[in-house]
Amino acid sequence: MKTKQRKTAWLDGQDLPAGSAATVGAIVAWSLAWKGASLWRAARNQSKPWFVTLLLANTLGVLDAIYLFAVDRRHRSDDRVEDAILAATGEPAQGGHSQET
């Protein structure tokens, strides 16, 4: 008995029209660029929930852009406000301690 062999030439890109291969390549490059930038920023901010979410979710860069332009900017503006308060009062930074003893 002969077994049927599935045709998987489309995986090799042989059956794709010429423009489709370029489009797929552009989408992959776009997604990787956004994913790399957002994962790097989430890791630098030590935001584990965002890092895991961004790592597992594939939204073609939409969620990554939201993190970079909305969530991270809010985080950085909070840091600037805290730095301005510390500079105005002359107090040293807490150095990672959330409460004074």
Protein backbone atom coordinates (compact mmCIF):
# COMPACT_ATOMS: atom_id res chain seq x y z
CA MET A 1 0.00 0.00 0.00
CA LYS A 2 1.16 3.42 -0.83
CA THR A 3 0.74 6.11 1.73
CA LYS A 4 -0.32 9.56 0.70
CA GLN A 5 2.36 12.12 1.11
CA ARG A 6 1.22 15.58 2.11
CA LYS A 7 2.36 18.41 -0.05
CA THR A 8 4.25 20.91 2.08
CA ALA A 9 6.00 22.90 -0.62
CA TRP A 10 4.31 26.08 0.61
CA LEU A 11 6.47 25.84 3.71
CA ASP A 12 9.53 26.17 1.50
CA GLY A 13 8.04 29.23 -0.21
CA GLN A 14 7.92 27.58 -3.62
CA ASP A 15 4.18 28.10 -4.16
CA LEU A 16 4.04 31.64 -2.80
CA PRO A 17 3.62 34.51 -5.23
CA ALA A 18 6.66 36.77 -5.51
CA GLY A 19 5.15 39.62 -3.50
CA SER A 20 3.93 37.37 -0.70
CA ALA A 21 7.40 36.25 0.35
CA ALA A 22 8.53 39.87 0.63
CA THR A 23 5.39 40.77 2.59
CA VAL A 24 5.89 37.92 5.04
CA GLY A 25 9.53 38.93 5.47
CA ALA A 26 8.56 42.55 6.14
CA ILE A 27 5.94 41.51 8.71
CA VAL A 28 8.44 39.28 10.51
CA ALA A 29 11.06 42.06 10.57
CA TRP A 30 8.46 44.58 11.82
CA SER A 31 7.32 42.23 14.61
CA LEU A 32 10.86 41.37 15.69
CA ALA A 33 11.89 45.02 15.88
CA TRP A 34 8.94 45.98 18.09
CA LYS A 35 9.26 42.82 20.18
CA GLY A 36 12.97 43.36 20.76
CA ALA A 37 12.55 46.99 21.81
CA SER A 38 9.64 46.31 24.14
CA LEU A 39 11.23 43.25 25.77
CA TRP A 40 14.46 45.14 26.30
CA ARG A 41 12.63 48.06 27.91
CA ALA A 42 10.46 45.79 30.11
CA ALA A 43 13.56 43.92 31.30
CA ARG A 44 15.38 47.17 32.01
CA ASN A 45 12.39 48.40 34.05
CA GLN A 46 12.30 45.05 35.89
CA SER A 47 8.65 44.57 34.94
CA LYS A 48 8.22 40.80 34.96
CA PRO A 49 4.46 40.73 34.19
CA TRP A 50 4.92 42.94 31.12
CA PHE A 51 8.00 41.00 30.03
CA VAL A 52 6.14 37.67 30.12
CA THR A 53 3.05 39.15 28.43
CA LEU A 54 5.10 40.70 25.64
CA LEU A 55 7.13 37.54 25.20
CA LEU A 56 4.09 35.27 24.83
CA ALA A 57 1.68 37.55 22.95
CA ASN A 58 2.12 37.89 19.21
CA THR A 59 0.13 40.95 18.11
CA LEU A 60 2.31 42.07 15.18
CA GLY A 61 3.80 44.86 17.26
CA VAL A 62 0.55 46.42 18.51
CA LEU A 63 0.88 45.45 22.18
CA ASP A 64 4.61 46.19 22.02
CA ALA A 65 3.93 49.72 20.76
CA ILE A 66 1.30 50.28 23.45
CA TYR A 67 3.83 49.28 26.11
CA LEU A 68 6.57 51.49 24.68
CA PHE A 69 4.47 54.60 24.06
CA ALA A 70 1.88 54.48 26.85
CA VAL A 71 2.88 52.30 29.78
CA ASP A 72 6.62 52.93 29.81
CA ARG A 73 6.25 56.70 29.35
CA ARG A 74 3.98 56.83 32.38
CA HIS A 75 6.63 54.89 34.34
CA ARG A 76 9.38 57.28 33.26
CA SER A 77 7.31 60.40 34.07
CA ASP A 78 6.72 59.02 37.60
CA ASP A 79 10.49 58.63 37.97
CA ARG A 80 11.05 62.23 36.83
CA VAL A 81 8.53 63.53 39.37
CA GLU A 82 10.22 61.57 42.15
CA ASP A 83 13.65 62.82 41.07
CA ALA A 84 12.38 66.43 41.06
CA ILE A 85 10.96 66.04 44.57
CA LEU A 86 14.22 64.54 45.84
CA ALA A 87 16.22 67.33 44.22
CA ALA A 88 13.95 70.04 45.68
CA THR A 89 14.05 68.62 49.20
CA GLY A 90 17.70 67.66 49.15
CA GLU A 91 16.95 64.14 50.34
CA PRO A 92 19.07 61.26 49.04
CA ALA A 93 17.42 58.52 47.04
CA GLN A 94 16.14 55.57 49.04
CA GLY A 95 18.39 53.12 47.22
CA GLY A 96 15.75 50.47 46.69
CA HIS A 97 14.25 50.66 50.17
CA SER A 98 10.53 51.32 50.14
CA GLN A 99 10.31 52.55 53.74
CA GLU A 100 12.62 54.33 56.09
CA THR A 101 13.31 52.76 59.48
